[in-house]
Amino acid sequence: MDVTRAYILLLTDPGTSGAVVEEVSRIPGVTSALPVTGPYDVVLEVEARSVSDINRRVLPQVQRVQGVARTLTCPVIRIS
């Protein structure tokens, strides 16, 4: 089975990035959650069966986490 990967960039409310990292790490499909500096505060690596599964199953759970202000989903593509 092929796995679809994506990076989800999170903008968090001030002072919440640590708690957000802990909470989103528990969501099924999230393989990595890292705090970063720059225009976004947290970067997630996620896996699912399809982009549609990411959008229907993973992303809504991420967006419900207290402290998540905005998300940007970047699906990984194959160039060949």
PDB file of N, CA and C in Angstrom:
ATOM      1  N   MET A   1       0.838  -1.175   0.000  1.00  0.00           N
ATOM      2  CA  MET A   1       0.000   0.000   0.000  1.00  0.00           C
ATOM      3  C   MET A   1       0.886   1.242   0.000  1.00  0.00           C
ATOM      4  N   ASP A   2       0.583   2.173  -0.885  1.00  0.00           N
ATOM      5  CA  ASP A   2       1.292   3.450  -0.903  1.00  0.00           C
ATOM      6  C   ASP A   2       0.812   4.319   0.241  1.00  0.00           C
ATOM      7  N   VAL A   3       1.709   5.087   0.777  1.00  0.00           N
ATOM      8  CA  VAL A   3       1.397   6.012   1.862  1.00  0.00           C
ATOM      9  C   VAL A   3       1.547   7.422   1.325  1.00  0.00           C
ATOM     10  N   THR A   4       0.589   8.265   1.627  1.00  0.00           N
ATOM     11  CA  THR A   4       0.671   9.674   1.270  1.00  0.00           C
ATOM     12  C   THR A   4       1.196  10.434   2.472  1.00  0.00           C
ATOM     13  N   ARG A   5       2.189  11.258   2.226  1.00  0.00           N
ATOM     14  CA  ARG A   5       2.769  12.074   3.289  1.00  0.00           C
ATOM     15  C   ARG A   5       2.469  13.535   3.018  1.00  0.00           C
ATOM     16  N   ALA A   6       2.414  14.295   4.102  1.00  0.00           N
ATOM     17  CA  ALA A   6       2.249  15.744   3.991  1.00  0.00           C
ATOM     18  C   ALA A   6       2.909  16.398   5.184  1.00  0.00           C
ATOM     19  N   TYR A   7       3.245  17.649   4.999  1.00  0.00           N
ATOM     20  CA  TYR A   7       3.699  18.485   6.096  1.00  0.00           C
ATOM     21  C   TYR A   7       2.586  19.473   6.387  1.00  0.00           C
ATOM     22  N   ILE A   8       2.260  19.611   7.656  1.00  0.00           N
ATOM     23  CA  ILE A   8       1.263  20.589   8.068  1.00  0.00           C
ATOM     24  C   ILE A   8       1.981  21.618   8.926  1.00  0.00           C
ATOM     25  N   LEU A   9       1.951  22.859   8.475  1.00  0.00           N
ATOM     26  CA  LEU A   9       2.588  23.957   9.186  1.00  0.00           C
ATOM     27  C   LEU A   9       1.537  24.606  10.077  1.00  0.00           C
ATOM     28  N   LEU A  10       1.892  24.804  11.340  1.00  0.00           N
ATOM     29  CA  LEU A  10       0.937  25.352  12.298  1.00  0.00           C
ATOM     30  C   LEU A  10       1.394  26.711  12.800  1.00  0.00           C
ATOM     31  N   LEU A  11       0.480  27.639  12.819  1.00  0.00           N
ATOM     32  CA  LEU A  11       0.662  28.903  13.515  1.00  0.00           C
ATOM     33  C   LEU A  11      -0.113  28.757  14.811  1.00  0.00           C
ATOM     34  N   THR A  12       0.558  28.988  15.933  1.00  0.00           N
ATOM     35  CA  THR A  12      -0.094  28.797  17.228  1.00  0.00           C
ATOM     36  C   THR A  12      -0.279  30.126  17.939  1.00  0.00           C
ATOM     37  N   ASP A  13      -1.191  30.123  18.887  1.00  0.00           N
ATOM     38  CA  ASP A  13      -1.377  31.293  19.736  1.00  0.00           C
ATOM     39  C   ASP A  13      -0.114  31.478  20.581  1.00  0.00           C
ATOM     40  N   PRO A  14       0.221  32.716  20.936  1.00  0.00           N
ATOM     41  CA  PRO A  14       1.430  32.964  21.727  1.00  0.00           C
ATOM     42  C   PRO A  14       1.486  32.108  23.003  1.00  0.00           C
ATOM     43  N   GLY A  15       2.638  31.501  23.217  1.00  0.00           N
ATOM     44  CA  GLY A  15       2.871  30.725  24.428  1.00  0.00           C
ATOM     45  C   GLY A  15       2.280  29.328  24.445  1.00  0.00           C
ATOM     46  N   THR A  16       1.726  28.863  23.313  1.00  0.00           N
ATOM     47  CA  THR A  16       1.060  27.556  23.314  1.00  0.00           C
ATOM     48  C   THR A  16       1.784  26.483  22.507  1.00  0.00           C
ATOM     49  N   SER A  17       2.887  26.812  21.848  1.00  0.00           N
ATOM     50  CA  SER A  17       3.486  25.835  20.933  1.00  0.00           C
ATOM     51  C   SER A  17       3.920  24.547  21.635  1.00  0.00           C
ATOM     52  N   GLY A  18       4.439  24.624  22.846  1.00  0.00           N
ATOM     53  CA  GLY A  18       4.835  23.401  23.558  1.00  0.00           C
ATOM     54  C   GLY A  18       3.663  22.485  23.826  1.00  0.00           C
ATOM     55  N   ALA A  19       2.568  23.044  24.314  1.00  0.00           N
ATOM     56  CA  ALA A  19       1.364  22.248  24.574  1.00  0.00           C
ATOM     57  C   ALA A  19       0.776  21.707  23.279  1.00  0.00           C
ATOM     58  N   VAL A  20       0.830  22.502  22.216  1.00  0.00           N
ATOM     59  CA  VAL A  20       0.307  22.047  20.919  1.00  0.00           C
ATOM     60  C   VAL A  20       1.117  20.858  20.423  1.00  0.00           C
ATOM     61  N   VAL A  21       2.449  20.930  20.514  1.00  0.00           N
ATOM     62  CA  VAL A  21       3.300  19.812  20.073  1.00  0.00           C
ATOM     63  C   VAL A  21       2.928  18.544  20.824  1.00  0.00           C
ATOM     64  N   GLU A  22       2.763  18.642  22.125  1.00  0.00           N
ATOM     65  CA  GLU A  22       2.406  17.458  22.918  1.00  0.00           C
ATOM     66  C   GLU A  22       1.062  16.881  22.481  1.00  0.00           C
ATOM     67  N   GLU A  23       0.082  17.736  22.281  1.00  0.00           N
ATOM     68  CA  GLU A  23      -1.268  17.280  21.942  1.00  0.00           C
ATOM     69  C   GLU A  23      -1.335  16.684  20.532  1.00  0.00           C
ATOM     70  N   VAL A  24      -0.767  17.362  19.548  1.00  0.00           N
ATOM     71  CA  VAL A  24      -0.871  16.861  18.177  1.00  0.00           C
ATOM     72  C   VAL A  24      -0.056  15.594  17.980  1.00  0.00           C
ATOM     73  N   SER A  25       0.967  15.381  18.803  1.00  0.00           N
ATOM     74  CA  SER A  25       1.769  14.160  18.694  1.00  0.00           C
ATOM     75  C   SER A  25       0.944  12.902  18.949  1.00  0.00           C
ATOM     76  N   ARG A  26      -0.160  13.047  19.658  1.00  0.00           N
ATOM     77  CA  ARG A  26      -1.028  11.899  19.987  1.00  0.00           C
ATOM     78  C   ARG A  26      -2.046  11.577  18.890  1.00  0.00           C
ATOM     79  N   ILE A  27      -2.151  12.410  17.887  1.00  0.00           N
ATOM     80  CA  ILE A  27      -3.158  12.216  16.845  1.00  0.00           C
ATOM     81  C   ILE A  27      -2.701  11.115  15.897  1.00  0.00           C
ATOM     82  N   PRO A  28      -3.561  10.121  15.640  1.00  0.00           N
ATOM     83  CA  PRO A  28      -3.192   9.073  14.681  1.00  0.00           C
ATOM     84  C   PRO A  28      -2.883   9.677  13.310  1.00  0.00           C
ATOM     85  N   GLY A  29      -1.777   9.244  12.732  1.00  0.00           N
ATOM     86  CA  GLY A  29      -1.352   9.759  11.437  1.00  0.00           C
ATOM     87  C   GLY A  29      -0.239  10.774  11.542  1.00  0.00           C
ATOM     88  N   VAL A  30      -0.073  11.386  12.705  1.00  0.00           N
ATOM     89  CA  VAL A  30       1.031  12.334  12.908  1.00  0.00           C
ATOM     90  C   VAL A  30       2.274  11.520  13.252  1.00  0.00           C
ATOM     91  N   THR A  31       3.288  11.604  12.397  1.00  0.00           N
ATOM     92  CA  THR A  31       4.514  10.834  12.619  1.00  0.00           C
ATOM     93  C   THR A  31       5.608  11.669  13.272  1.00  0.00           C
ATOM     94  N   SER A  32       5.483  12.999  13.194  1.00  0.00           N
ATOM     95  CA  SER A  32       6.471  13.884  13.796  1.00  0.00           C
ATOM     96  C   SER A  32       5.838  15.243  14.050  1.00  0.00           C
ATOM     97  N   ALA A  33       6.166  15.843  15.191  1.00  0.00           N
ATOM     98  CA  ALA A  33       5.695  17.190  15.524  1.00  0.00           C
ATOM     99  C   ALA A  33       6.873  17.941  16.126  1.00  0.00           C
ATOM    100  N   LEU A  34       7.302  18.989  15.437  1.00  0.00           N
ATOM    101  CA  LEU A  34       8.506  19.707  15.856  1.00  0.00           C
ATOM    102  C   LEU A  34       8.244  21.204  15.967  1.00  0.00           C
ATOM    103  N   PRO A  35       8.686  21.820  17.068  1.00  0.00           N
ATOM    104  CA  PRO A  35       8.622  23.274  17.145  1.00  0.00           C
ATOM    105  C   PRO A  35       9.714  23.866  16.248  1.00  0.00           C
ATOM    106  N   VAL A  36       9.399  24.960  15.573  1.00  0.00           N
ATOM    107  CA  VAL A  36      10.354  25.604  14.669  1.00  0.00           C
ATOM    108  C   VAL A  36      10.296  27.116  14.860  1.00  0.00           C
ATOM    109  N   THR A  37      11.273  27.797  14.298  1.00  0.00           N
ATOM    110  CA  THR A  37      11.237  29.253  14.278  1.00  0.00           C
ATOM    111  C   THR A  37      10.916  29.702  12.861  1.00  0.00           C
ATOM    112  N   GLY A  38      10.446  30.914  12.737  1.00  0.00           N
ATOM    113  CA  GLY A  38      10.090  31.447  11.425  1.00  0.00           C
ATOM    114  C   GLY A  38       8.632  31.834  11.413  1.00  0.00           C
ATOM    115  N   PRO A  39       8.024  31.877  10.228  1.00  0.00           N
ATOM    116  CA  PRO A  39       6.637  32.325  10.142  1.00  0.00           C
ATOM    117  C   PRO A  39       5.634  31.344  10.762  1.00  0.00           C
ATOM    118  N   TYR A  40       6.026  30.083  10.929  1.00  0.00           N
ATOM    119  CA  TYR A  40       5.174  29.091  11.580  1.00  0.00           C
ATOM    120  C   TYR A  40       5.852  28.630  12.858  1.00  0.00           C
ATOM    121  N   ASP A  41       5.069  28.038  13.753  1.00  0.00           N
ATOM    122  CA  ASP A  41       5.566  27.656  15.069  1.00  0.00           C
ATOM    123  C   ASP A  41       5.812  26.161  15.239  1.00  0.00           C
ATOM    124  N   VAL A  42       5.068  25.346  14.494  1.00  0.00           N
ATOM    125  CA  VAL A  42       5.167  23.886  14.609  1.00  0.00           C
ATOM    126  C   VAL A  42       5.049  23.295  13.202  1.00  0.00           C
ATOM    127  N   VAL A  43       5.845  22.266  12.926  1.00  0.00           N
ATOM    128  CA  VAL A  43       5.747  21.529  11.668  1.00  0.00           C
ATOM    129  C   VAL A  43       5.399  20.081  12.003  1.00  0.00           C
ATOM    130  N   LEU A  44       4.350  19.585  11.359  1.00  0.00           N
ATOM    131  CA  LEU A  44       3.949  18.182  11.515  1.00  0.00           C
ATOM    132  C   LEU A  44       4.285  17.419  10.248  1.00  0.00           C
ATOM    133  N   GLU A  45       4.732  16.189  10.396  1.00  0.00           N
ATOM    134  CA  GLU A  45       4.784  15.260   9.280  1.00  0.00           C
ATOM    135  C   GLU A  45       3.661  14.267   9.535  1.00  0.00           C
ATOM    136  N   VAL A  46       2.828  14.067   8.529  1.00  0.00           N
ATOM    137  CA  VAL A  46       1.687  13.170   8.689  1.00  0.00           C
ATOM    138  C   VAL A  46       1.663  12.153   7.556  1.00  0.00           C
ATOM    139  N   GLU A  47       1.025  11.011   7.825  1.00  0.00           N
ATOM    140  CA  GLU A  47       0.863   9.952   6.830  1.00  0.00           C
ATOM    141  C   GLU A  47      -0.570   9.460   6.862  1.00  0.00           C
ATOM    142  N   ALA A  48      -1.079   9.131   5.679  1.00  0.00           N
ATOM    143  CA  ALA A  48      -2.408   8.542   5.542  1.00  0.00           C
ATOM    144  C   ALA A  48      -2.450   7.816   4.206  1.00  0.00           C
ATOM    145  N   ARG A  49      -3.583   7.225   3.902  1.00  0.00           N
ATOM    146  CA  ARG A  49      -3.724   6.479   2.653  1.00  0.00           C
ATOM    147  C   ARG A  49      -3.820   7.394   1.445  1.00  0.00           C
ATOM    148  N   SER A  50      -4.322   8.619   1.654  1.00  0.00           N
ATOM    149  CA  SER A  50      -4.498   9.557   0.539  1.00  0.00           C
ATOM    150  C   SER A  50      -4.550  10.984   1.082  1.00  0.00           C
ATOM    151  N   VAL A  51      -4.449  11.947   0.193  1.00  0.00           N
ATOM    152  CA  VAL A  51      -4.602  13.344   0.590  1.00  0.00           C
ATOM    153  C   VAL A  51      -5.994  13.558   1.166  1.00  0.00           C
ATOM    154  N   SER A  52      -6.969  12.892   0.578  1.00  0.00           N
ATOM    155  CA  SER A  52      -8.336  12.992   1.078  1.00  0.00           C
ATOM    156  C   SER A  52      -8.429  12.512   2.525  1.00  0.00           C
ATOM    157  N   ASP A  53      -7.751  11.419   2.855  1.00  0.00           N
ATOM    158  CA  ASP A  53      -7.738  10.925   4.239  1.00  0.00           C
ATOM    159  C   ASP A  53      -7.067  11.919   5.180  1.00  0.00           C
ATOM    160  N   ILE A  54      -6.007  12.548   4.714  1.00  0.00           N
ATOM    161  CA  ILE A  54      -5.372  13.578   5.540  1.00  0.00           C
ATOM    162  C   ILE A  54      -6.359  14.698   5.809  1.00  0.00           C
ATOM    163  N   ASN A  55      -7.046  15.144   4.766  1.00  0.00           N
ATOM    164  CA  ASN A  55      -8.000  16.250   4.908  1.00  0.00           C
ATOM    165  C   ASN A  55      -9.231  15.887   5.731  1.00  0.00           C
ATOM    166  N   ARG A  56      -9.649  14.636   5.689  1.00  0.00           N
ATOM    167  CA  ARG A  56     -10.870  14.235   6.404  1.00  0.00           C
ATOM    168  C   ARG A  56     -10.606  13.698   7.806  1.00  0.00           C
ATOM    169  N   ARG A  57      -9.443  13.089   8.027  1.00  0.00           N
ATOM    170  CA  ARG A  57      -9.216  12.398   9.298  1.00  0.00           C
ATOM    171  C   ARG A  57      -8.175  13.060  10.190  1.00  0.00           C
ATOM    172  N   VAL A  58      -7.087  13.515   9.599  1.00  0.00           N
ATOM    173  CA  VAL A  58      -6.004  14.062  10.410  1.00  0.00           C
ATOM    174  C   VAL A  58      -6.190  15.561  10.638  1.00  0.00           C
ATOM    175  N   LEU A  59      -6.373  16.309   9.570  1.00  0.00           N
ATOM    176  CA  LEU A  59      -6.430  17.759   9.669  1.00  0.00           C
ATOM    177  C   LEU A  59      -7.513  18.282  10.612  1.00  0.00           C
ATOM    178  N   PRO A  60      -8.734  17.756  10.577  1.00  0.00           N
ATOM    179  CA  PRO A  60      -9.747  18.266  11.523  1.00  0.00           C
ATOM    180  C   PRO A  60      -9.345  18.077  12.985  1.00  0.00           C
ATOM    181  N   GLN A  61      -8.678  16.984  13.294  1.00  0.00           N
ATOM    182  CA  GLN A  61      -8.232  16.767  14.674  1.00  0.00           C
ATOM    183  C   GLN A  61      -7.147  17.769  15.063  1.00  0.00           C
ATOM    184  N   VAL A  62      -6.251  18.059  14.128  1.00  0.00           N
ATOM    185  CA  VAL A  62      -5.207  19.047  14.375  1.00  0.00           C
ATOM    186  C   VAL A  62      -5.835  20.417  14.617  1.00  0.00           C
ATOM    187  N   GLN A  63      -6.788  20.784  13.786  1.00  0.00           N
ATOM    188  CA  GLN A  63      -7.404  22.112  13.883  1.00  0.00           C
ATOM    189  C   GLN A  63      -8.213  22.292  15.163  1.00  0.00           C
ATOM    190  N   ARG A  64      -8.648  21.209  15.783  1.00  0.00           N
ATOM    191  CA  ARG A  64      -9.406  21.289  17.037  1.00  0.00           C
ATOM    192  C   ARG A  64      -8.530  21.460  18.274  1.00  0.00           C
ATOM    193  N   VAL A  65      -7.228  21.278  18.127  1.00  0.00           N
ATOM    194  CA  VAL A  65      -6.328  21.398  19.273  1.00  0.00           C
ATOM    195  C   VAL A  65      -6.295  22.860  19.731  1.00  0.00           C
ATOM    196  N   GLN A  66      -6.502  23.055  21.028  1.00  0.00           N
ATOM    197  CA  GLN A  66      -6.466  24.400  21.585  1.00  0.00           C
ATOM    198  C   GLN A  66      -5.082  25.011  21.382  1.00  0.00           C
ATOM    199  N   GLY A  67      -5.058  26.217  20.849  1.00  0.00           N
ATOM    200  CA  GLY A  67      -3.810  26.917  20.582  1.00  0.00           C
ATOM    201  C   GLY A  67      -3.433  26.954  19.115  1.00  0.00           C
ATOM    202  N   VAL A  68      -4.058  26.102  18.290  1.00  0.00           N
ATOM    203  CA  VAL A  68      -3.789  26.122  16.850  1.00  0.00           C
ATOM    204  C   VAL A  68      -4.619  27.247  16.231  1.00  0.00           C
ATOM    205  N   ALA A  69      -3.926  28.237  15.673  1.00  0.00           N
ATOM    206  CA  ALA A  69      -4.608  29.387  15.081  1.00  0.00           C
ATOM    207  C   ALA A  69      -4.813  29.227  13.577  1.00  0.00           C
ATOM    208  N   ARG A  70      -3.855  28.591  12.902  1.00  0.00           N
ATOM    209  CA  ARG A  70      -3.941  28.453  11.441  1.00  0.00           C
ATOM    210  C   ARG A  70      -3.096  27.271  10.996  1.00  0.00           C
ATOM    211  N   THR A  71      -3.509  26.647   9.899  1.00  0.00           N
ATOM    212  CA  THR A  71      -2.743  25.527   9.346  1.00  0.00           C
ATOM    213  C   THR A  71      -2.502  25.742   7.854  1.00  0.00           C
ATOM    214  N   LEU A  72      -1.427  25.155   7.367  1.00  0.00           N
ATOM    215  CA  LEU A  72      -1.133  25.112   5.936  1.00  0.00           C
ATOM    216  C   LEU A  72      -0.662  23.699   5.638  1.00  0.00           C
ATOM    217  N   THR A  73      -1.385  22.994   4.775  1.00  0.00           N
ATOM    218  CA  THR A  73      -1.063  21.605   4.459  1.00  0.00           C
ATOM    219  C   THR A  73      -0.292  21.546   3.141  1.00  0.00           C
ATOM    220  N   CYS A  74       0.839  20.854   3.173  1.00  0.00           N
ATOM    221  CA  CYS A  74       1.720  20.727   2.013  1.00  0.00           C
ATOM    222  C   CYS A  74       1.916  19.245   1.688  1.00  0.00           C
ATOM    223  N   PRO A  75       1.088  18.678   0.785  1.00  0.00           N
ATOM    224  CA  PRO A  75       1.275  17.270   0.435  1.00  0.00           C
ATOM    225  C   PRO A  75       2.620  17.055  -0.272  1.00  0.00           C
ATOM    226  N   VAL A  76       3.246  15.936   0.038  1.00  0.00           N
ATOM    227  CA  VAL A  76       4.507  15.560  -0.629  1.00  0.00           C
ATOM    228  C   VAL A  76       4.146  14.933  -1.963  1.00  0.00           C
ATOM    229  N   ILE A  77       4.837  15.355  -3.031  1.00  0.00           N
ATOM    230  CA  ILE A  77       4.566  14.817  -4.360  1.00  0.00           C
ATOM    231  C   ILE A  77       5.778  14.051  -4.869  1.00  0.00           C
ATOM    232  N   ARG A  78       5.544  13.220  -5.838  1.00  0.00           N
ATOM    233  CA  ARG A  78       6.638  12.491  -6.490  1.00  0.00           C
ATOM    234  C   ARG A  78       6.935  13.170  -7.832  1.00  0.00           C
ATOM    235  N   ILE A  79       8.196  13.451  -8.036  1.00  0.00           N
ATOM    236  CA  ILE A  79       8.610  14.013  -9.321  1.00  0.00           C
ATOM    237  C   ILE A  79       9.504  12.980  -9.996  1.00  0.00           C
ATOM    238  N   SER A  80       8.988  12.437 -11.095  1.00  0.00           N
ATOM    239  CA  SER A  80       9.807  11.433 -11.799  1.00  0.00           C
ATOM    240  C   SER A  80       9.512  11.461 -13.271  1.00  0.00           C
TER     241      SER A  80
END
